[in-house]
């Protein structure tokens, strides 16, 4: 079984052909999809996806690049959705220090408050950690400590091995997708090749982070089997072994994923 642990199937980029995008992924062998929200405004679209398309599961959260549009009252709305919809995770949440003109203090406020909600509902977290790995780890340790973390997935991981090990200690595993397919991504590829079996899940982040063979075009969940083959080649195992390993990891870290 292949599980796409991070796929924005609700995105506007799929508005014209969402049904066929989903069908192509299922035909390619992708059986489960985690669809993370990015703002309160798209919670209904995420719910529509998981209702319409078998195999899809929701995560609800406020993405760090959307916090400037968010209101503090959105946290109460998120709490309601977590209580009533019972998603598999809180997400996509985190910090993004790559974009220069964002309010980092506001990002941190929303991140911390959402971590508190994850703790309250005992839900795993899907993390956005772009250029902010140490800052994210700092808040995880502060909110959860070393023994009280619900764990989750550090999506599109691009940190060091030492940082990877710190996430693993906190019960998180690491998402690998399109960035791993570029020959110049030496650090990511080395991590993908050498991390423990239990540390890795597959993702597309569709429609974003297209793999090398798409030439910058729209990514889609049907690319996951080829991404899995890339990981299999890096680790020197079969694609079937990678599918089984990463699916088991996704189920372990997201207990609500049936």
C-alpha atoms as a PDB file:
ATOM      1  CA  UNK A   1       0.000   0.000   0.000  1.00  0.00           C
ATOM      2  CA  UNK A   2       1.189   3.513  -0.842  1.00  0.00           C
ATOM      3  CA  UNK A   3       0.148   6.362   1.442  1.00  0.00           C
ATOM      4  CA  UNK A   4       0.629   9.975   0.411  1.00  0.00           C
ATOM      5  CA  UNK A   5       1.167  11.544   3.819  1.00  0.00           C
ATOM      6  CA  UNK A   6       0.840  15.124   2.541  1.00  0.00           C
ATOM      7  CA  UNK A   7      -1.364  16.010  -0.424  1.00  0.00           C
ATOM      8  CA  UNK A   8      -3.350  19.237  -0.882  1.00  0.00           C
ATOM      9  CA  UNK A   9      -6.014  17.617  -3.035  1.00  0.00           C
ATOM     10  CA  UNK A  10      -8.368  20.462  -2.146  1.00  0.00           C
ATOM     11  CA  UNK A  11      -6.096  23.068  -3.769  1.00  0.00           C
ATOM     12  CA  UNK A  12      -7.411  25.405  -6.448  1.00  0.00           C
ATOM     13  CA  UNK A  13      -4.807  23.995  -8.859  1.00  0.00           C
ATOM     14  CA  UNK A  14      -6.945  20.840  -9.016  1.00  0.00           C
ATOM     15  CA  UNK A  15     -10.293  22.602  -9.419  1.00  0.00           C
ATOM     16  CA  UNK A  16     -10.650  21.730 -13.097  1.00  0.00           C
ATOM     17  CA  UNK A  17      -9.724  18.035 -12.901  1.00  0.00           C
ATOM     18  CA  UNK A  18      -9.781  16.917  -9.272  1.00  0.00           C
ATOM     19  CA  UNK A  19     -11.763  13.762 -10.014  1.00  0.00           C
ATOM     20  CA  UNK A  20      -9.281  12.612 -12.644  1.00  0.00           C
ATOM     21  CA  UNK A  21      -6.284  13.518 -10.468  1.00  0.00           C
ATOM     22  CA  UNK A  22      -7.681  11.340  -7.696  1.00  0.00           C
ATOM     23  CA  UNK A  23      -8.569   8.528 -10.099  1.00  0.00           C
ATOM     24  CA  UNK A  24      -5.077   8.564 -11.611  1.00  0.00           C
ATOM     25  CA  UNK A  25      -3.507   8.291  -8.175  1.00  0.00           C
ATOM     26  CA  UNK A  26      -5.710   5.374  -7.199  1.00  0.00           C
ATOM     27  CA  UNK A  27      -4.953   3.658 -10.504  1.00  0.00           C
ATOM     28  CA  UNK A  28      -1.247   4.127  -9.770  1.00  0.00           C
ATOM     29  CA  UNK A  29      -1.623   2.329  -6.433  1.00  0.00           C
ATOM     30  CA  UNK A  30      -1.968   5.212  -3.974  1.00  0.00           C
ATOM     31  CA  UNK A  31      -4.614   4.071  -1.503  1.00  0.00           C
ATOM     32  CA  UNK A  32      -4.545   6.671   1.270  1.00  0.00           C
ATOM     33  CA  UNK A  33      -4.081  10.442   1.210  1.00  0.00           C
ATOM     34  CA  UNK A  34      -3.632  12.858   4.110  1.00  0.00           C
ATOM     35  CA  UNK A  35      -5.158  16.206   3.122  1.00  0.00           C
ATOM     36  CA  UNK A  36      -3.911  18.985   5.434  1.00  0.00           C
ATOM     37  CA  UNK A  37      -5.664  22.328   5.682  1.00  0.00           C
ATOM     38  CA  UNK A  38      -3.850  25.666   5.562  1.00  0.00           C
ATOM     39  CA  UNK A  39      -6.468  28.066   6.936  1.00  0.00           C
ATOM     40  CA  UNK A  40      -9.907  28.089   8.519  1.00  0.00           C
ATOM     41  CA  UNK A  41     -11.251  29.240   5.174  1.00  0.00           C
ATOM     42  CA  UNK A  42     -10.332  25.989   3.467  1.00  0.00           C
ATOM     43  CA  UNK A  43     -11.501  23.619   6.215  1.00  0.00           C
ATOM     44  CA  UNK A  44     -14.782  22.974   4.317  1.00  0.00           C
ATOM     45  CA  UNK A  45     -12.868  22.170   1.118  1.00  0.00           C
ATOM     46  CA  UNK A  46     -10.713  19.666   2.979  1.00  0.00           C
ATOM     47  CA  UNK A  47     -13.812  18.079   4.491  1.00  0.00           C
ATOM     48  CA  UNK A  48     -15.391  17.906   1.023  1.00  0.00           C
ATOM     49  CA  UNK A  49     -12.338  16.024  -0.271  1.00  0.00           C
ATOM     50  CA  UNK A  50     -12.356  13.436   2.487  1.00  0.00           C
ATOM     51  CA  UNK A  51     -16.112  12.985   2.086  1.00  0.00           C
ATOM     52  CA  UNK A  52     -16.014  12.712  -1.702  1.00  0.00           C
ATOM     53  CA  UNK A  53     -12.877  10.603  -2.183  1.00  0.00           C
ATOM     54  CA  UNK A  54     -12.452   7.251  -0.399  1.00  0.00           C
ATOM     55  CA  UNK A  55      -9.055   6.869   1.220  1.00  0.00           C
ATOM     56  CA  UNK A  56      -8.640  10.548   2.064  1.00  0.00           C
ATOM     57  CA  UNK A  57      -8.205  11.681   5.673  1.00  0.00           C
ATOM     58  CA  UNK A  58      -8.199  15.230   6.992  1.00  0.00           C
ATOM     59  CA  UNK A  59      -5.855  17.307   9.095  1.00  0.00           C
ATOM     60  CA  UNK A  60      -6.978  20.752  10.217  1.00  0.00           C
ATOM     61  CA  UNK A  61      -4.698  23.636  11.083  1.00  0.00           C
ATOM     62  CA  UNK A  62      -3.452  27.116  10.196  1.00  0.00           C
ATOM     63  CA  UNK A  63      -0.315  27.167   8.043  1.00  0.00           C
ATOM     64  CA  UNK A  64       2.448  29.596   9.098  1.00  0.00           C
ATOM     65  CA  UNK A  65       2.241  31.477   5.792  1.00  0.00           C
ATOM     66  CA  UNK A  66      -1.473  32.095   6.366  1.00  0.00           C
ATOM     67  CA  UNK A  67      -1.306  33.520   9.880  1.00  0.00           C
ATOM     68  CA  UNK A  68      -1.264  37.127   8.667  1.00  0.00           C
ATOM     69  CA  UNK A  69      -4.769  36.523   7.305  1.00  0.00           C
ATOM     70  CA  UNK A  70      -5.912  34.666  10.416  1.00  0.00           C
ATOM     71  CA  UNK A  71      -7.774  36.043  13.409  1.00  0.00           C
ATOM     72  CA  UNK A  72      -7.295  34.845  16.962  1.00  0.00           C
ATOM     73  CA  UNK A  73     -10.931  33.704  16.824  1.00  0.00           C
ATOM     74  CA  UNK A  74      -9.836  31.196  14.180  1.00  0.00           C
ATOM     75  CA  UNK A  75      -8.249  29.192  16.979  1.00  0.00           C
ATOM     76  CA  UNK A  76     -11.695  28.722  18.519  1.00  0.00           C
ATOM     77  CA  UNK A  77     -12.978  27.621  15.114  1.00  0.00           C
ATOM     78  CA  UNK A  78     -10.107  25.149  14.824  1.00  0.00           C
ATOM     79  CA  UNK A  79     -10.907  23.790  18.268  1.00  0.00           C
ATOM     80  CA  UNK A  80     -14.504  23.214  17.165  1.00  0.00           C
ATOM     81  CA  UNK A  81     -13.415  21.396  14.005  1.00  0.00           C
ATOM     82  CA  UNK A  82     -11.012  19.207  15.954  1.00  0.00           C
ATOM     83  CA  UNK A  83     -13.773  18.333  18.386  1.00  0.00           C
ATOM     84  CA  UNK A  84     -16.498  17.630  15.841  1.00  0.00           C
ATOM     85  CA  UNK A  85     -14.625  16.241  12.813  1.00  0.00           C
ATOM     86  CA  UNK A  86     -12.005  14.101  14.605  1.00  0.00           C
ATOM     87  CA  UNK A  87      -9.231  14.480  12.001  1.00  0.00           C
ATOM     88  CA  UNK A  88      -6.129  12.297  11.994  1.00  0.00           C
ATOM     89  CA  UNK A  89      -3.854  15.241  12.879  1.00  0.00           C
ATOM     90  CA  UNK A  90      -3.533  18.941  13.556  1.00  0.00           C
ATOM     91  CA  UNK A  91      -1.905  20.484  10.529  1.00  0.00           C
ATOM     92  CA  UNK A  92      -0.401  21.883   8.531  1.00  0.00           C
ATOM     93  CA  UNK A  93       1.147  24.034  11.247  1.00  0.00           C
ATOM     94  CA  UNK A  94       4.631  25.221  12.094  1.00  0.00           C
ATOM     95  CA  UNK A  95       7.101  27.968  11.277  1.00  0.00           C
ATOM     96  CA  UNK A  96       8.525  29.287   8.007  1.00  0.00           C
ATOM     97  CA  UNK A  97      11.688  31.383   8.173  1.00  0.00           C
ATOM     98  CA  UNK A  98      12.335  31.205   4.430  1.00  0.00           C
ATOM     99  CA  UNK A  99       9.901  33.951   3.428  1.00  0.00           C
ATOM    100  CA  UNK A 100      11.394  37.280   4.461  1.00  0.00           C
ATOM    101  CA  UNK A 101       8.319  39.466   4.922  1.00  0.00           C
ATOM    102  CA  UNK A 102       6.365  37.382   7.423  1.00  0.00           C
ATOM    103  CA  UNK A 103       5.654  38.209  11.050  1.00  0.00           C
ATOM    104  CA  UNK A 104       7.659  35.586  12.923  1.00  0.00           C
ATOM    105  CA  UNK A 105       6.189  36.538  16.274  1.00  0.00           C
ATOM    106  CA  UNK A 106       2.666  36.024  14.905  1.00  0.00           C
ATOM    107  CA  UNK A 107       3.719  32.702  13.358  1.00  0.00           C
ATOM    108  CA  UNK A 108       5.046  31.570  16.702  1.00  0.00           C
ATOM    109  CA  UNK A 109       1.888  32.592  18.547  1.00  0.00           C
ATOM    110  CA  UNK A 110      -0.367  30.577  16.238  1.00  0.00           C
ATOM    111  CA  UNK A 111       2.042  27.642  16.227  1.00  0.00           C
ATOM    112  CA  UNK A 112       2.177  27.443  20.013  1.00  0.00           C
ATOM    113  CA  UNK A 113      -1.583  27.785  20.417  1.00  0.00           C
ATOM    114  CA  UNK A 114      -2.157  25.001  17.895  1.00  0.00           C
ATOM    115  CA  UNK A 115       0.360  22.763  19.655  1.00  0.00           C
ATOM    116  CA  UNK A 116      -1.675  23.289  22.814  1.00  0.00           C
ATOM    117  CA  UNK A 117      -4.785  22.157  20.935  1.00  0.00           C
ATOM    118  CA  UNK A 118      -2.945  19.073  19.707  1.00  0.00           C
ATOM    119  CA  UNK A 119      -2.019  18.327  23.297  1.00  0.00           C
ATOM    120  CA  UNK A 120      -5.604  18.890  24.467  1.00  0.00           C
ATOM    121  CA  UNK A 121      -7.059  16.522  21.868  1.00  0.00           C
ATOM    122  CA  UNK A 122      -4.096  14.126  21.921  1.00  0.00           C
ATOM    123  CA  UNK A 123      -3.723  14.441  18.164  1.00  0.00           C
ATOM    124  CA  UNK A 124      -0.519  14.074  16.126  1.00  0.00           C
ATOM    125  CA  UNK A 125       0.862  17.131  14.367  1.00  0.00           C
ATOM    126  CA  UNK A 126       1.808  17.686  10.732  1.00  0.00           C
ATOM    127  CA  UNK A 127       4.647  20.183  10.799  1.00  0.00           C
ATOM    128  CA  UNK A 128       5.861  22.796   8.340  1.00  0.00           C
ATOM    129  CA  UNK A 129       9.519  23.441   9.208  1.00  0.00           C
ATOM    130  CA  UNK A 130      11.043  25.391   6.297  1.00  0.00           C
ATOM    131  CA  UNK A 131      14.306  27.023   7.413  1.00  0.00           C
ATOM    132  CA  UNK A 132      12.972  26.842  10.993  1.00  0.00           C
ATOM    133  CA  UNK A 133      13.869  23.382  12.274  1.00  0.00           C
ATOM    134  CA  UNK A 134      15.540  24.471  15.522  1.00  0.00           C
ATOM    135  CA  UNK A 135      12.802  26.995  16.291  1.00  0.00           C
ATOM    136  CA  UNK A 136      10.143  24.320  15.762  1.00  0.00           C
ATOM    137  CA  UNK A 137      12.011  21.842  17.954  1.00  0.00           C
ATOM    138  CA  UNK A 138      12.297  24.466  20.689  1.00  0.00           C
ATOM    139  CA  UNK A 139       8.525  24.924  20.838  1.00  0.00           C
ATOM    140  CA  UNK A 140       7.845  21.181  20.673  1.00  0.00           C
ATOM    141  CA  UNK A 141      10.091  20.622  23.688  1.00  0.00           C
ATOM    142  CA  UNK A 142       8.514  23.546  25.544  1.00  0.00           C
ATOM    143  CA  UNK A 143       4.918  22.439  24.977  1.00  0.00           C
ATOM    144  CA  UNK A 144       5.315  18.669  25.111  1.00  0.00           C
ATOM    145  CA  UNK A 145       8.573  17.994  26.931  1.00  0.00           C
ATOM    146  CA  UNK A 146      10.396  14.754  26.163  1.00  0.00           C
ATOM    147  CA  UNK A 147       7.685  12.316  27.196  1.00  0.00           C
ATOM    148  CA  UNK A 148       4.319  13.915  26.422  1.00  0.00           C
ATOM    149  CA  UNK A 149       4.450  14.466  22.656  1.00  0.00           C
ATOM    150  CA  UNK A 150       1.681  13.076  20.442  1.00  0.00           C
ATOM    151  CA  UNK A 151       4.239  12.888  17.631  1.00  0.00           C
ATOM    152  CA  UNK A 152       3.461  13.392  13.992  1.00  0.00           C
ATOM    153  CA  UNK A 153       5.247  14.162  10.740  1.00  0.00           C
ATOM    154  CA  UNK A 154       7.873  16.787   9.944  1.00  0.00           C
ATOM    155  CA  UNK A 155       6.785  17.432   6.381  1.00  0.00           C
ATOM    156  CA  UNK A 156       9.333  18.052   3.581  1.00  0.00           C
ATOM    157  CA  UNK A 157      12.223  17.572   5.976  1.00  0.00           C
ATOM    158  CA  UNK A 158      15.449  19.278   4.938  1.00  0.00           C
ATOM    159  CA  UNK A 159      17.473  19.454   8.134  1.00  0.00           C
ATOM    160  CA  UNK A 160      20.593  17.761   9.423  1.00  0.00           C
ATOM    161  CA  UNK A 161      20.900  14.233  10.748  1.00  0.00           C
ATOM    162  CA  UNK A 162      21.238  15.640  14.255  1.00  0.00           C
ATOM    163  CA  UNK A 163      17.978  17.569  13.826  1.00  0.00           C
ATOM    164  CA  UNK A 164      16.322  14.489  12.375  1.00  0.00           C
ATOM    165  CA  UNK A 165      17.325  12.518  15.457  1.00  0.00           C
ATOM    166  CA  UNK A 166      15.792  15.184  17.703  1.00  0.00           C
ATOM    167  CA  UNK A 167      12.448  14.855  15.902  1.00  0.00           C
ATOM    168  CA  UNK A 168      12.617  11.087  16.263  1.00  0.00           C
ATOM    169  CA  UNK A 169      13.195  11.432  20.015  1.00  0.00           C
ATOM    170  CA  UNK A 170       9.974  13.449  20.218  1.00  0.00           C
ATOM    171  CA  UNK A 171       7.968  10.793  18.379  1.00  0.00           C
ATOM    172  CA  UNK A 172       7.956  12.492  14.989  1.00  0.00           C
ATOM    173  CA  UNK A 173       8.904  10.940  11.675  1.00  0.00           C
ATOM    174  CA  UNK A 174      10.064  12.672   8.511  1.00  0.00           C
ATOM    175  CA  UNK A 175       8.358  13.221   5.161  1.00  0.00           C
ATOM    176  CA  UNK A 176      10.288  12.772   1.909  1.00  0.00           C
ATOM    177  CA  UNK A 177       8.974  13.603  -1.544  1.00  0.00           C
ATOM    178  CA  UNK A 178       9.857  15.529  -4.666  1.00  0.00           C
ATOM    179  CA  UNK A 179      12.939  17.300  -3.294  1.00  0.00           C
ATOM    180  CA  UNK A 180      14.586  13.898  -2.780  1.00  0.00           C
ATOM    181  CA  UNK A 181      14.424  13.181  -6.529  1.00  0.00           C
ATOM    182  CA  UNK A 182      16.915  15.879  -7.527  1.00  0.00           C
ATOM    183  CA  UNK A 183      20.500  14.661  -7.904  1.00  0.00           C
ATOM    184  CA  UNK A 184      21.784  17.907  -6.411  1.00  0.00           C
ATOM    185  CA  UNK A 185      19.804  17.448  -3.184  1.00  0.00           C
ATOM    186  CA  UNK A 186      22.706  15.577  -1.620  1.00  0.00           C
ATOM    187  CA  UNK A 187      21.795  16.108   2.036  1.00  0.00           C
ATOM    188  CA  UNK A 188      18.176  15.067   1.590  1.00  0.00           C
ATOM    189  CA  UNK A 189      19.171  12.047  -0.471  1.00  0.00           C
ATOM    190  CA  UNK A 190      21.758  10.970   2.095  1.00  0.00           C
ATOM    191  CA  UNK A 191      19.193  11.222   4.884  1.00  0.00           C
ATOM    192  CA  UNK A 192      16.645   9.291   2.839  1.00  0.00           C
ATOM    193  CA  UNK A 193      19.226   6.573   2.259  1.00  0.00           C
ATOM    194  CA  UNK A 194      20.492   6.250   5.822  1.00  0.00           C
ATOM    195  CA  UNK A 195      17.728   7.066   8.310  1.00  0.00           C
ATOM    196  CA  UNK A 196      16.223   4.131  10.216  1.00  0.00           C
ATOM    197  CA  UNK A 197      13.355   2.326   8.493  1.00  0.00           C
ATOM    198  CA  UNK A 198      10.888   3.580  11.093  1.00  0.00           C
ATOM    199  CA  UNK A 199      11.781   7.245  10.463  1.00  0.00           C
ATOM    200  CA  UNK A 200      10.359   7.835   6.969  1.00  0.00           C
ATOM    201  CA  UNK A 201       7.043   8.447   5.239  1.00  0.00           C
ATOM    202  CA  UNK A 202       6.371   9.320   1.611  1.00  0.00           C
ATOM    203  CA  UNK A 203       4.603  12.462   0.450  1.00  0.00           C
ATOM    204  CA  UNK A 204       3.987  14.533  -2.660  1.00  0.00           C
ATOM    205  CA  UNK A 205       2.845  17.902  -1.239  1.00  0.00           C
ATOM    206  CA  UNK A 206       0.853  18.074  -4.477  1.00  0.00           C
ATOM    207  CA  UNK A 207       0.418  20.425  -6.252  1.00  0.00           C
ATOM    208  CA  UNK A 208       3.721  21.731  -4.854  1.00  0.00           C
ATOM    209  CA  UNK A 209       7.328  20.410  -4.686  1.00  0.00           C
ATOM    210  CA  UNK A 210       7.249  18.681  -8.082  1.00  0.00           C
ATOM    211  CA  UNK A 211       9.764  15.863  -8.563  1.00  0.00           C
ATOM    212  CA  UNK A 212      12.658  16.308 -10.972  1.00  0.00           C
ATOM    213  CA  UNK A 213      10.952  14.658 -13.951  1.00  0.00           C
ATOM    214  CA  UNK A 214       8.069  17.166 -14.020  1.00  0.00           C
ATOM    215  CA  UNK A 215      10.341  20.091 -14.875  1.00  0.00           C
ATOM    216  CA  UNK A 216       8.611  22.390 -12.409  1.00  0.00           C
ATOM    217  CA  UNK A 217       5.071  21.506 -13.507  1.00  0.00           C
ATOM    218  CA  UNK A 218       2.100  20.773 -11.274  1.00  0.00           C
ATOM    219  CA  UNK A 219       2.736  17.907  -8.911  1.00  0.00           C
ATOM    220  CA  UNK A 220       0.061  15.251  -8.363  1.00  0.00           C
ATOM    221  CA  UNK A 221      -0.418  12.269  -6.039  1.00  0.00           C
ATOM    222  CA  UNK A 222      -0.024   9.862  -8.994  1.00  0.00           C
ATOM    223  CA  UNK A 223       3.710  10.699  -8.862  1.00  0.00           C
ATOM    224  CA  UNK A 224       4.048   8.892  -5.513  1.00  0.00           C
ATOM    225  CA  UNK A 225       4.975   5.450  -6.967  1.00  0.00           C
ATOM    226  CA  UNK A 226       7.895   6.959  -8.872  1.00  0.00           C
ATOM    227  CA  UNK A 227       8.974   8.867  -5.758  1.00  0.00           C
ATOM    228  CA  UNK A 228       8.799   5.559  -3.878  1.00  0.00           C
ATOM    229  CA  UNK A 229      11.008   3.991  -6.555  1.00  0.00           C
ATOM    230  CA  UNK A 230      13.555   6.767  -6.053  1.00  0.00           C
ATOM    231  CA  UNK A 231      13.622   6.078  -2.328  1.00  0.00           C
ATOM    232  CA  UNK A 232      13.916   2.343  -2.974  1.00  0.00           C
ATOM    233  CA  UNK A 233      16.942   2.934  -5.193  1.00  0.00           C
ATOM    234  CA  UNK A 234      18.589   5.127  -2.569  1.00  0.00           C
ATOM    235  CA  UNK A 235      18.056   2.498   0.135  1.00  0.00           C
ATOM    236  CA  UNK A 236      18.836  -0.501  -2.060  1.00  0.00           C
ATOM    237  CA  UNK A 237      15.530  -2.280  -1.478  1.00  0.00           C
ATOM    238  CA  UNK A 238      12.428  -3.078  -3.508  1.00  0.00           C
ATOM    239  CA  UNK A 239       9.600  -0.655  -4.144  1.00  0.00           C
ATOM    240  CA  UNK A 240       7.270  -3.109  -2.425  1.00  0.00           C
ATOM    241  CA  UNK A 241       9.440  -2.962   0.690  1.00  0.00           C
ATOM    242  CA  UNK A 242       9.373   0.840   0.647  1.00  0.00           C
ATOM    243  CA  UNK A 243       5.583   0.879   0.234  1.00  0.00           C
ATOM    244  CA  UNK A 244       5.081  -1.493   3.148  1.00  0.00           C
ATOM    245  CA  UNK A 245       7.593   0.301   5.376  1.00  0.00           C
ATOM    246  CA  UNK A 246       6.284   3.816   4.797  1.00  0.00           C
ATOM    247  CA  UNK A 247       2.629   2.785   5.040  1.00  0.00           C
ATOM    248  CA  UNK A 248       3.295   1.100   8.378  1.00  0.00           C
ATOM    249  CA  UNK A 249       5.085   4.210   9.604  1.00  0.00           C
ATOM    250  CA  UNK A 250       2.217   6.487   8.566  1.00  0.00           C
ATOM    251  CA  UNK A 251      -0.299   4.277  10.359  1.00  0.00           C
ATOM    252  CA  UNK A 252       1.842   4.140  13.479  1.00  0.00           C
ATOM    253  CA  UNK A 253       2.324   7.888  13.776  1.00  0.00           C
ATOM    254  CA  UNK A 254      -1.274   8.690  12.761  1.00  0.00           C
ATOM    255  CA  UNK A 255      -3.344   6.226  14.808  1.00  0.00           C
ATOM    256  CA  UNK A 256      -6.607   7.628  13.452  1.00  0.00           C
ATOM    257  CA  UNK A 257      -5.677   6.557   9.931  1.00  0.00           C
ATOM    258  CA  UNK A 258      -7.657   3.367   9.304  1.00  0.00           C
END
